[in-house]
PDB file of N, CA and C in Angstrom:
ATOM      1  N   MET A   1      29.260 -35.509  12.843  1.00  0.00           N
ATOM      2  CA  MET A   1      27.990 -35.203  13.468  1.00  0.00           C
ATOM      3  C   MET A   1      27.854 -33.722  13.829  1.00  0.00           C
ATOM      4  N   LYS A   2      28.974 -33.067  14.146  1.00  0.00           N
ATOM      5  CA  LYS A   2      28.922 -31.652  14.520  1.00  0.00           C
ATOM      6  C   LYS A   2      28.513 -30.777  13.336  1.00  0.00           C
ATOM      7  N   ASN A   3      28.805 -31.204  12.127  1.00  0.00           N
ATOM      8  CA  ASN A   3      28.496 -30.404  10.941  1.00  0.00           C
ATOM      9  C   ASN A   3      27.044 -30.532  10.507  1.00  0.00           C
ATOM     10  N   LYS A   4      26.339 -31.518  11.002  1.00  0.00           N
ATOM     11  CA  LYS A   4      24.953 -31.742  10.592  1.00  0.00           C
ATOM     12  C   LYS A   4      24.043 -30.544  10.925  1.00  0.00           C
ATOM     13  N   PRO A   5      24.107 -29.981  12.141  1.00  0.00           N
ATOM     14  CA  PRO A   5      23.267 -28.802  12.423  1.00  0.00           C
ATOM     15  C   PRO A   5      23.620 -27.605  11.532  1.00  0.00           C
ATOM     16  N   GLN A   6      24.911 -27.421  11.231  1.00  0.00           N
ATOM     17  CA  GLN A   6      25.310 -26.320  10.361  1.00  0.00           C
ATOM     18  C   GLN A   6      24.777 -26.534   8.952  1.00  0.00           C
ATOM     19  N   LEU A   7      24.848 -27.758   8.474  1.00  0.00           N
ATOM     20  CA  LEU A   7      24.348 -28.076   7.138  1.00  0.00           C
ATOM     21  C   LEU A   7      22.843 -27.845   7.063  1.00  0.00           C
ATOM     22  N   LEU A   8      22.118 -28.280   8.098  1.00  0.00           N
ATOM     23  CA  LEU A   8      20.667 -28.054   8.130  1.00  0.00           C
ATOM     24  C   LEU A   8      20.353 -26.554   8.150  1.00  0.00           C
ATOM     25  N   GLY A   9      21.151 -25.777   8.874  1.00  0.00           N
ATOM     26  CA  GLY A   9      20.961 -24.328   8.920  1.00  0.00           C
ATOM     27  C   GLY A   9      21.166 -23.692   7.556  1.00  0.00           C
ATOM     28  N   LEU A  10      22.192 -24.139   6.846  1.00  0.00           N
ATOM     29  CA  LEU A  10      22.453 -23.613   5.510  1.00  0.00           C
ATOM     30  C   LEU A  10      21.350 -23.985   4.535  1.00  0.00           C
ATOM     31  N   VAL A  11      20.872 -25.217   4.623  1.00  0.00           N
ATOM     32  CA  VAL A  11      19.783 -25.658   3.746  1.00  0.00           C
ATOM     33  C   VAL A  11      18.525 -24.832   4.024  1.00  0.00           C
ATOM     34  N   PHE A  12      18.230 -24.605   5.301  1.00  0.00           N
ATOM     35  CA  PHE A  12      17.061 -23.814   5.675  1.00  0.00           C
ATOM     36  C   PHE A  12      17.194 -22.375   5.160  1.00  0.00           C
ATOM     37  N   ALA A  13      18.380 -21.772   5.334  1.00  0.00           N
ATOM     38  CA  ALA A  13      18.615 -20.404   4.876  1.00  0.00           C
ATOM     39  C   ALA A  13      18.455 -20.314   3.359  1.00  0.00           C
ATOM     40  N   ALA A  14      18.976 -21.297   2.634  1.00  0.00           N
ATOM     41  CA  ALA A  14      18.833 -21.312   1.170  1.00  0.00           C
ATOM     42  C   ALA A  14      17.366 -21.425   0.777  1.00  0.00           C
ATOM     43  N   PHE A  15      16.608 -22.253   1.486  1.00  0.00           N
ATOM     44  CA  PHE A  15      15.184 -22.419   1.215  1.00  0.00           C
ATOM     45  C   PHE A  15      14.439 -21.097   1.418  1.00  0.00           C
ATOM     46  N   VAL A  16      14.746 -20.402   2.506  1.00  0.00           N
ATOM     47  CA  VAL A  16      14.082 -19.129   2.795  1.00  0.00           C
ATOM     48  C   VAL A  16      14.395 -18.108   1.704  1.00  0.00           C
ATOM     49  N   LEU A  17      15.651 -18.018   1.305  1.00  0.00           N
ATOM     50  CA  LEU A  17      16.023 -17.056   0.263  1.00  0.00           C
ATOM     51  C   LEU A  17      15.352 -17.378  -1.062  1.00  0.00           C
ATOM     52  N   LEU A  18      15.292 -18.643  -1.411  1.00  0.00           N
ATOM     53  CA  LEU A  18      14.632 -19.029  -2.657  1.00  0.00           C
ATOM     54  C   LEU A  18      13.136 -18.747  -2.585  1.00  0.00           C
ATOM     55  N   SER A  19      12.539 -18.945  -1.432  1.00  0.00           N
ATOM     56  CA  SER A  19      11.108 -18.680  -1.264  1.00  0.00           C
ATOM     57  C   SER A  19      10.811 -17.195  -1.419  1.00  0.00           C
ATOM     58  N   LEU A  20      11.663 -16.355  -0.862  1.00  0.00           N
ATOM     59  CA  LEU A  20      11.454 -14.910  -0.963  1.00  0.00           C
ATOM     60  C   LEU A  20      11.634 -14.428  -2.394  1.00  0.00           C
ATOM     61  N   GLY A  21      12.439 -15.100  -3.161  1.00  0.00           N
ATOM     62  CA  GLY A  21      12.645 -14.726  -4.556  1.00  0.00           C
ATOM     63  C   GLY A  21      11.369 -14.813  -5.365  1.00  0.00           C
ATOM     64  N   GLY A  22      10.438 -15.657  -4.954  1.00  0.00           N
ATOM     65  CA  GLY A  22       9.173 -15.815  -5.660  1.00  0.00           C
ATOM     66  C   GLY A  22       8.115 -14.819  -5.235  1.00  0.00           C
ATOM     67  N   CYS A  23       8.387 -14.024  -4.216  1.00  0.00           N
ATOM     68  CA  CYS A  23       7.411 -13.054  -3.723  1.00  0.00           C
ATOM     69  C   CYS A  23       7.451 -11.789  -4.565  1.00  0.00           C
ATOM     70  N   SER A  24       6.321 -11.122  -4.633  1.00  0.00           N
ATOM     71  CA  SER A  24       6.291  -9.843  -5.341  1.00  0.00           C
ATOM     72  C   SER A  24       6.949  -8.777  -4.484  1.00  0.00           C
ATOM     73  N   ARG A  25       7.352  -7.698  -5.120  1.00  0.00           N
ATOM     74  CA  ARG A  25       8.005  -6.610  -4.400  1.00  0.00           C
ATOM     75  C   ARG A  25       7.045  -5.996  -3.391  1.00  0.00           C
ATOM     76  N   ASP A  26       5.771  -5.972  -3.708  1.00  0.00           N
ATOM     77  CA  ASP A  26       4.787  -5.405  -2.792  1.00  0.00           C
ATOM     78  C   ASP A  26       4.739  -6.182  -1.488  1.00  0.00           C
ATOM     79  N   MET A  27       4.840  -7.499  -1.577  1.00  0.00           N
ATOM     80  CA  MET A  27       4.816  -8.306  -0.359  1.00  0.00           C
ATOM     81  C   MET A  27       6.070  -8.071   0.470  1.00  0.00           C
ATOM     82  N   LEU A  28       7.216  -7.912  -0.178  1.00  0.00           N
ATOM     83  CA  LEU A  28       8.459  -7.706   0.545  1.00  0.00           C
ATOM     84  C   LEU A  28       8.518  -6.329   1.179  1.00  0.00           C
ATOM     85  N   SER A  29       8.028  -5.304   0.504  1.00  0.00           N
ATOM     86  CA  SER A  29       8.092  -3.948   1.029  1.00  0.00           C
ATOM     87  C   SER A  29       6.958  -3.656   2.010  1.00  0.00           C
ATOM     88  N   GLY A  30       5.940  -4.481   2.004  1.00  0.00           N
ATOM     89  CA  GLY A  30       4.800  -4.246   2.872  1.00  0.00           C
ATOM     90  C   GLY A  30       3.819  -3.248   2.290  1.00  0.00           C
ATOM     91  N   SER A  31       4.044  -2.814   1.067  1.00  0.00           N
ATOM     92  CA  SER A  31       3.170  -1.834   0.430  1.00  0.00           C
ATOM     93  C   SER A  31       1.818  -2.453   0.105  1.00  0.00           C
ATOM     94  N   LYS A  32       0.766  -1.698   0.397  1.00  0.00           N
ATOM     95  CA  LYS A  32      -0.580  -2.129   0.037  1.00  0.00           C
ATOM     96  C   LYS A  32      -1.083  -1.400  -1.208  1.00  0.00           C
ATOM     97  N   LEU A  33      -0.186  -0.632  -1.842  1.00  0.00           N
ATOM     98  CA  LEU A  33      -0.564   0.146  -3.014  1.00  0.00           C
ATOM     99  C   LEU A  33      -0.519  -0.738  -4.253  1.00  0.00           C
ATOM    100  N   THR A  34      -1.640  -1.431  -4.486  1.00  0.00           N
ATOM    101  CA  THR A  34      -1.786  -2.301  -5.645  1.00  0.00           C
ATOM    102  C   THR A  34      -3.071  -1.917  -6.378  1.00  0.00           C
ATOM    103  N   SER A  35      -3.165  -2.303  -7.641  1.00  0.00           N
ATOM    104  CA  SER A  35      -4.382  -2.026  -8.407  1.00  0.00           C
ATOM    105  C   SER A  35      -5.605  -2.663  -7.758  1.00  0.00           C
ATOM    106  N   ALA A  36      -5.440  -3.887  -7.267  1.00  0.00           N
ATOM    107  CA  ALA A  36      -6.565  -4.591  -6.631  1.00  0.00           C
ATOM    108  C   ALA A  36      -7.059  -3.843  -5.400  1.00  0.00           C
ATOM    109  N   ASN A  37      -6.141  -3.364  -4.564  1.00  0.00           N
ATOM    110  CA  ASN A  37      -6.553  -2.618  -3.368  1.00  0.00           C
ATOM    111  C   ASN A  37      -7.146  -1.268  -3.748  1.00  0.00           C
ATOM    112  N   TYR A  38      -6.524  -0.590  -4.704  1.00  0.00           N
ATOM    113  CA  TYR A  38      -7.038   0.711  -5.152  1.00  0.00           C
ATOM    114  C   TYR A  38      -8.474   0.573  -5.655  1.00  0.00           C
ATOM    115  N   ASP A  39      -8.740  -0.490  -6.401  1.00  0.00           N
ATOM    116  CA  ASP A  39     -10.077  -0.715  -6.950  1.00  0.00           C
ATOM    117  C   ASP A  39     -11.129  -0.960  -5.866  1.00  0.00           C
ATOM    118  N   GLN A  40     -10.699  -1.386  -4.679  1.00  0.00           N
ATOM    119  CA  GLN A  40     -11.639  -1.615  -3.570  1.00  0.00           C
ATOM    120  C   GLN A  40     -12.132  -0.308  -2.955  1.00  0.00           C
ATOM    121  N   VAL A  41     -11.376   0.774  -3.152  1.00  0.00           N
ATOM    122  CA  VAL A  41     -11.764   2.076  -2.600  1.00  0.00           C
ATOM    123  C   VAL A  41     -12.892   2.643  -3.453  1.00  0.00           C
ATOM    124  N   THR A  42     -14.026   2.944  -2.807  1.00  0.00           N
ATOM    125  CA  THR A  42     -15.193   3.446  -3.531  1.00  0.00           C
ATOM    126  C   THR A  42     -15.674   4.765  -2.933  1.00  0.00           C
ATOM    127  N   LEU A  43     -16.429   5.506  -3.734  1.00  0.00           N
ATOM    128  CA  LEU A  43     -16.982   6.781  -3.271  1.00  0.00           C
ATOM    129  C   LEU A  43     -17.814   6.574  -2.015  1.00  0.00           C
ATOM    130  N   GLY A  44     -17.688   7.505  -1.085  1.00  0.00           N
ATOM    131  CA  GLY A  44     -18.462   7.453   0.145  1.00  0.00           C
ATOM    132  C   GLY A  44     -17.774   6.743   1.302  1.00  0.00           C
ATOM    133  N   MET A  45     -16.657   6.062   1.041  1.00  0.00           N
ATOM    134  CA  MET A  45     -15.940   5.367   2.126  1.00  0.00           C
ATOM    135  C   MET A  45     -15.345   6.383   3.102  1.00  0.00           C
ATOM    136  N   SER A  46     -15.182   5.948   4.339  1.00  0.00           N
ATOM    137  CA  SER A  46     -14.561   6.786   5.359  1.00  0.00           C
ATOM    138  C   SER A  46     -13.041   6.685   5.279  1.00  0.00           C
ATOM    139  N   LYS A  47     -12.363   7.587   5.964  1.00  0.00           N
ATOM    140  CA  LYS A  47     -10.896   7.553   6.017  1.00  0.00           C
ATOM    141  C   LYS A  47     -10.419   6.236   6.627  1.00  0.00           C
ATOM    142  N   ALA A  48     -11.091   5.800   7.674  1.00  0.00           N
ATOM    143  CA  ALA A  48     -10.701   4.551   8.341  1.00  0.00           C
ATOM    144  C   ALA A  48     -10.819   3.361   7.390  1.00  0.00           C
ATOM    145  N   GLN A  49     -11.879   3.329   6.600  1.00  0.00           N
ATOM    146  CA  GLN A  49     -12.048   2.232   5.639  1.00  0.00           C
ATOM    147  C   GLN A  49     -10.932   2.238   4.600  1.00  0.00           C
ATOM    148  N   VAL A  50     -10.571   3.426   4.116  1.00  0.00           N
ATOM    149  CA  VAL A  50      -9.500   3.537   3.121  1.00  0.00           C
ATOM    150  C   VAL A  50      -8.170   3.090   3.732  1.00  0.00           C
ATOM    151  N   GLU A  51      -7.908   3.508   4.966  1.00  0.00           N
ATOM    152  CA  GLU A  51      -6.659   3.115   5.630  1.00  0.00           C
ATOM    153  C   GLU A  51      -6.618   1.616   5.897  1.00  0.00           C
ATOM    154  N   THR A  52      -7.755   0.999   6.106  1.00  0.00           N
ATOM    155  CA  THR A  52      -7.783  -0.455   6.278  1.00  0.00           C
ATOM    156  C   THR A  52      -7.343  -1.144   4.988  1.00  0.00           C
ATOM    157  N   ILE A  53      -7.716  -0.592   3.870  1.00  0.00           N
ATOM    158  CA  ILE A  53      -7.389  -1.191   2.569  1.00  0.00           C
ATOM    159  C   ILE A  53      -5.969  -0.840   2.122  1.00  0.00           C
ATOM    160  N   LEU A  54      -5.620   0.460   2.156  1.00  0.00           N
ATOM    161  CA  LEU A  54      -4.339   0.918   1.608  1.00  0.00           C
ATOM    162  C   LEU A  54      -3.261   1.182   2.649  1.00  0.00           C
ATOM    163  N   GLY A  55      -3.625   1.144   3.929  1.00  0.00           N
ATOM    164  CA  GLY A  55      -2.657   1.458   4.974  1.00  0.00           C
ATOM    165  C   GLY A  55      -2.585   2.956   5.204  1.00  0.00           C
ATOM    166  N   PRO A  56      -1.675   3.383   6.064  1.00  0.00           N
ATOM    167  CA  PRO A  56      -1.553   4.816   6.316  1.00  0.00           C
ATOM    168  C   PRO A  56      -0.999   5.544   5.096  1.00  0.00           C
ATOM    169  N   PRO A  57      -1.502   6.745   4.809  1.00  0.00           N
ATOM    170  CA  PRO A  57      -1.027   7.477   3.637  1.00  0.00           C
ATOM    171  C   PRO A  57       0.396   7.991   3.827  1.00  0.00           C
ATOM    172  N   THR A  58       1.073   8.240   2.706  1.00  0.00           N
ATOM    173  CA  THR A  58       2.413   8.820   2.735  1.00  0.00           C
ATOM    174  C   THR A  58       2.346  10.265   3.206  1.00  0.00           C
ATOM    175  N   SER A  59       1.298  10.990   2.759  1.00  0.00           N
ATOM    176  CA  SER A  59       1.104  12.370   3.206  1.00  0.00           C
ATOM    177  C   SER A  59      -0.395  12.691   3.241  1.00  0.00           C
ATOM    178  N   ILE A  60      -0.725  13.681   4.081  1.00  0.00           N
ATOM    179  CA  ILE A  60      -2.118  14.123   4.244  1.00  0.00           C
ATOM    180  C   ILE A  60      -2.146  15.642   4.112  1.00  0.00           C
ATOM    181  N   ASP A  61      -3.125  16.143   3.352  1.00  0.00           N
ATOM    182  CA  ASP A  61      -3.330  17.584   3.221  1.00  0.00           C
ATOM    183  C   ASP A  61      -4.786  17.871   3.552  1.00  0.00           C
ATOM    184  N   SER A  62      -5.024  18.750   4.524  1.00  0.00           N
ATOM    185  CA  SER A  62      -6.399  19.094   4.911  1.00  0.00           C
ATOM    186  C   SER A  62      -6.637  20.580   4.736  1.00  0.00           C
ATOM    187  N   LYS A  63      -7.838  20.907   4.224  1.00  0.00           N
ATOM    188  CA  LYS A  63      -8.238  22.298   4.052  1.00  0.00           C
ATOM    189  C   LYS A  63      -9.687  22.438   4.483  1.00  0.00           C
ATOM    190  N   ASP A  64      -9.947  23.464   5.274  1.00  0.00           N
ATOM    191  CA  ASP A  64     -11.322  23.775   5.633  1.00  0.00           C
ATOM    192  C   ASP A  64     -11.833  24.827   4.660  1.00  0.00           C
ATOM    193  N   VAL A  65     -12.743  24.400   3.786  1.00  0.00           N
ATOM    194  CA  VAL A  65     -13.385  25.321   2.859  1.00  0.00           C
ATOM    195  C   VAL A  65     -14.640  25.819   3.585  1.00  0.00           C
ATOM    196  N   LEU A  66     -15.234  26.885   3.130  1.00  0.00           N
ATOM    197  CA  LEU A  66     -16.359  27.491   3.843  1.00  0.00           C
ATOM    198  C   LEU A  66     -17.442  26.497   4.257  1.00  0.00           C
ATOM    199  N   ILE A  67     -17.879  25.640   3.337  1.00  0.00           N
ATOM    200  CA  ILE A  67     -19.016  24.778   3.665  1.00  0.00           C
ATOM    201  C   ILE A  67     -18.646  23.298   3.804  1.00  0.00           C
ATOM    202  N   PHE A  68     -17.380  22.956   3.587  1.00  0.00           N
ATOM    203  CA  PHE A  68     -16.985  21.561   3.782  1.00  0.00           C
ATOM    204  C   PHE A  68     -15.490  21.461   4.064  1.00  0.00           C
ATOM    205  N   LYS A  69     -15.082  20.294   4.525  1.00  0.00           N
ATOM    206  CA  LYS A  69     -13.678  20.021   4.804  1.00  0.00           C
ATOM    207  C   LYS A  69     -13.143  19.101   3.711  1.00  0.00           C
ATOM    208  N   LYS A  70     -12.004  19.476   3.120  1.00  0.00           N
ATOM    209  CA  LYS A  70     -11.385  18.675   2.066  1.00  0.00           C
ATOM    210  C   LYS A  70     -10.068  18.103   2.596  1.00  0.00           C
ATOM    211  N   THR A  71      -9.919  16.788   2.509  1.00  0.00           N
ATOM    212  CA  THR A  71      -8.698  16.109   2.935  1.00  0.00           C
ATOM    213  C   THR A  71      -8.198  15.255   1.780  1.00  0.00           C
ATOM    214  N   THR A  72      -6.899  15.298   1.553  1.00  0.00           N
ATOM    215  CA  THR A  72      -6.300  14.505   0.485  1.00  0.00           C
ATOM    216  C   THR A  72      -5.265  13.554   1.073  1.00  0.00           C
ATOM    217  N   PHE A  73      -5.454  12.268   0.820  1.00  0.00           N
ATOM    218  CA  PHE A  73      -4.475  11.243   1.184  1.00  0.00           C
ATOM    219  C   PHE A  73      -3.648  10.955  -0.062  1.00  0.00           C
ATOM    220  N   ARG A  74      -2.337  11.011   0.059  1.00  0.00           N
ATOM    221  CA  ARG A  74      -1.452  10.639  -1.049  1.00  0.00           C
ATOM    222  C   ARG A  74      -0.659   9.408  -0.635  1.00  0.00           C
ATOM    223  N   TYR A  75      -0.689   8.401  -1.490  1.00  0.00           N
ATOM    224  CA  TYR A  75       0.060   7.163  -1.280  1.00  0.00           C
ATOM    225  C   TYR A  75       1.143   7.090  -2.347  1.00  0.00           C
ATOM    226  N   GLU A  76       2.376   6.801  -1.939  1.00  0.00           N
ATOM    227  CA  GLU A  76       3.477   6.669  -2.885  1.00  0.00           C
ATOM    228  C   GLU A  76       4.278   5.406  -2.579  1.00  0.00           C
ATOM    229  N   ASP A  77       4.708   4.742  -3.622  1.00  0.00           N
ATOM    230  CA  ASP A  77       5.598   3.591  -3.516  1.00  0.00           C
ATOM    231  C   ASP A  77       6.467   3.601  -4.763  1.00  0.00           C
ATOM    232  N   GLY A  78       7.649   4.180  -4.642  1.00  0.00           N
ATOM    233  CA  GLY A  78       8.500   4.357  -5.818  1.00  0.00           C
ATOM    234  C   GLY A  78       7.835   5.328  -6.769  1.00  0.00           C
ATOM    235  N   LYS A  79       7.625   4.898  -8.005  1.00  0.00           N
ATOM    236  CA  LYS A  79       6.966   5.750  -9.000  1.00  0.00           C
ATOM    237  C   LYS A  79       5.452   5.611  -8.979  1.00  0.00           C
ATOM    238  N   LYS A  80       4.945   4.639  -8.230  1.00  0.00           N
ATOM    239  CA  LYS A  80       3.491   4.443  -8.147  1.00  0.00           C
ATOM    240  C   LYS A  80       2.898   5.448  -7.158  1.00  0.00           C
ATOM    241  N   PHE A  81       1.696   5.924  -7.477  1.00  0.00           N
ATOM    242  CA  PHE A  81       1.004   6.804  -6.533  1.00  0.00           C
ATOM    243  C   PHE A  81      -0.507   6.624  -6.652  1.00  0.00           C
ATOM    244  N   ALA A  82      -1.178   7.010  -5.593  1.00  0.00           N
ATOM    245  CA  ALA A  82      -2.640   7.087  -5.585  1.00  0.00           C
ATOM    246  C   ALA A  82      -3.013   8.302  -4.744  1.00  0.00           C
ATOM    247  N   ILE A  83      -4.011   9.019  -5.191  1.00  0.00           N
ATOM    248  CA  ILE A  83      -4.508  10.191  -4.468  1.00  0.00           C
ATOM    249  C   ILE A  83      -5.986   9.966  -4.195  1.00  0.00           C
ATOM    250  N   ILE A  84      -6.340   9.996  -2.921  1.00  0.00           N
ATOM    251  CA  ILE A  84      -7.733   9.829  -2.499  1.00  0.00           C
ATOM    252  C   ILE A  84      -8.171  11.148  -1.862  1.00  0.00           C
ATOM    253  N   THR A  85      -9.238  11.745  -2.405  1.00  0.00           N
ATOM    254  CA  THR A  85      -9.741  13.015  -1.885  1.00  0.00           C
ATOM    255  C   THR A  85     -11.046  12.786  -1.138  1.00  0.00           C
ATOM    256  N   PHE A  86     -11.117  13.364   0.053  1.00  0.00           N
ATOM    257  CA  PHE A  86     -12.301  13.236   0.908  1.00  0.00           C
ATOM    258  C   PHE A  86     -12.999  14.587   0.999  1.00  0.00           C
ATOM    259  N   LYS A  87     -14.310  14.546   0.974  1.00  0.00           N
ATOM    260  CA  LYS A  87     -15.128  15.728   1.223  1.00  0.00           C
ATOM    261  C   LYS A  87     -15.957  15.383   2.448  1.00  0.00           C
ATOM    262  N   ASN A  88     -15.779  16.171   3.517  1.00  0.00           N
ATOM    263  CA  ASN A  88     -16.439  15.884   4.794  1.00  0.00           C
ATOM    264  C   ASN A  88     -16.205  14.438   5.234  1.00  0.00           C
ATOM    265  N   ASP A  89     -14.963  14.006   5.136  1.00  0.00           N
ATOM    266  CA  ASP A  89     -14.507  12.699   5.621  1.00  0.00           C
ATOM    267  C   ASP A  89     -15.072  11.492   4.868  1.00  0.00           C
ATOM    268  N   GLU A  90     -15.553  11.700   3.643  1.00  0.00           N
ATOM    269  CA  GLU A  90     -15.990  10.597   2.787  1.00  0.00           C
ATOM    270  C   GLU A  90     -15.286  10.712   1.434  1.00  0.00           C
ATOM    271  N   VAL A  91     -14.907   9.566   0.839  1.00  0.00           N
ATOM    272  CA  VAL A  91     -14.216   9.596  -0.449  1.00  0.00           C
ATOM    273  C   VAL A  91     -15.078  10.323  -1.473  1.00  0.00           C
ATOM    274  N   ASP A  92     -14.476  11.345  -2.086  1.00  0.00           N
ATOM    275  CA  ASP A  92     -15.166  12.145  -3.093  1.00  0.00           C
ATOM    276  C   ASP A  92     -14.589  11.880  -4.487  1.00  0.00           C
ATOM    277  N   SER A  93     -13.272  11.575  -4.544  1.00  0.00           N
ATOM    278  CA  SER A  93     -12.631  11.255  -5.821  1.00  0.00           C
ATOM    279  C   SER A  93     -11.332  10.515  -5.563  1.00  0.00           C
ATOM    280  N   LYS A  94     -10.815   9.895  -6.629  1.00  0.00           N
ATOM    281  CA  LYS A  94      -9.546   9.181  -6.506  1.00  0.00           C
ATOM    282  C   LYS A  94      -8.837   9.203  -7.852  1.00  0.00           C
ATOM    283  N   ASP A  95      -7.495   9.121  -7.803  1.00  0.00           N
ATOM    284  CA  ASP A  95      -6.690   9.110  -9.016  1.00  0.00           C
ATOM    285  C   ASP A  95      -5.433   8.301  -8.741  1.00  0.00           C
ATOM    286  N   THR A  96      -4.881   7.701  -9.774  1.00  0.00           N
ATOM    287  CA  THR A  96      -3.678   6.888  -9.621  1.00  0.00           C
ATOM    288  C   THR A  96      -2.959   6.763 -10.951  1.00  0.00           C
ATOM    289  N   ASN A  97      -1.719   6.315 -10.885  1.00  0.00           N
ATOM    290  CA  ASN A  97      -0.995   5.945 -12.106  1.00  0.00           C
ATOM    291  C   ASN A  97      -0.782   4.427 -12.152  1.00  0.00           C
ATOM    292  N   LEU A  98      -1.406   3.699 -11.244  1.00  0.00           N
ATOM    293  CA  LEU A  98      -1.286   2.244 -11.245  1.00  0.00           C
ATOM    294  C   LEU A  98      -1.796   1.707 -12.578  1.00  0.00           C
ATOM    295  N   GLY A  99      -1.032   0.859 -13.191  1.00  0.00           N
ATOM    296  CA  GLY A  99      -1.402   0.337 -14.500  1.00  0.00           C
ATOM    297  C   GLY A  99      -0.924   1.223 -15.635  1.00  0.00           C
ATOM    298  N   ARG A 100      -0.455   2.426 -15.307  1.00  0.00           N
ATOM    299  CA  ARG A 100       0.043   3.345 -16.338  1.00  0.00           C
ATOM    300  C   ARG A 100       1.547   3.589 -16.208  1.00  0.00           C
ATOM    301  N   GLU A 101       2.139   3.143 -15.069  1.00  0.00           N
ATOM    302  CA  GLU A 101       3.565   3.407 -14.869  1.00  0.00           C
ATOM    303  C   GLU A 101       4.390   2.577 -15.863  1.00  0.00           C
ATOM    304  N   PRO A 102       5.533   3.105 -16.274  1.00  0.00           N
ATOM    305  CA  PRO A 102       6.358   2.414 -17.287  1.00  0.00           C
ATOM    306  C   PRO A 102       6.899   1.084 -16.825  1.00  0.00           C
TER     307      PRO A 102
END
């Protein structure tokens, strides 16, 4: 009878490990950098809207040009990347290698 709780614990642990094996790497790493999420980002979106979809960027670069402010969000996950450029805090352009990585 003493071994029954240990056996149940081992069975549960095996079940959890097998369940995680079926998950995608994105789900395990917590990365939101997927083609589906990238495609949701559209011109004119705010920084907050983009962060809701893709999460916080890996790096941010901001430049004040004479008549507008340019901010670039870079997202990286291994070899995958996405670059979202904002003009006056609205999405102006985007680029990625999602779907093109080897």
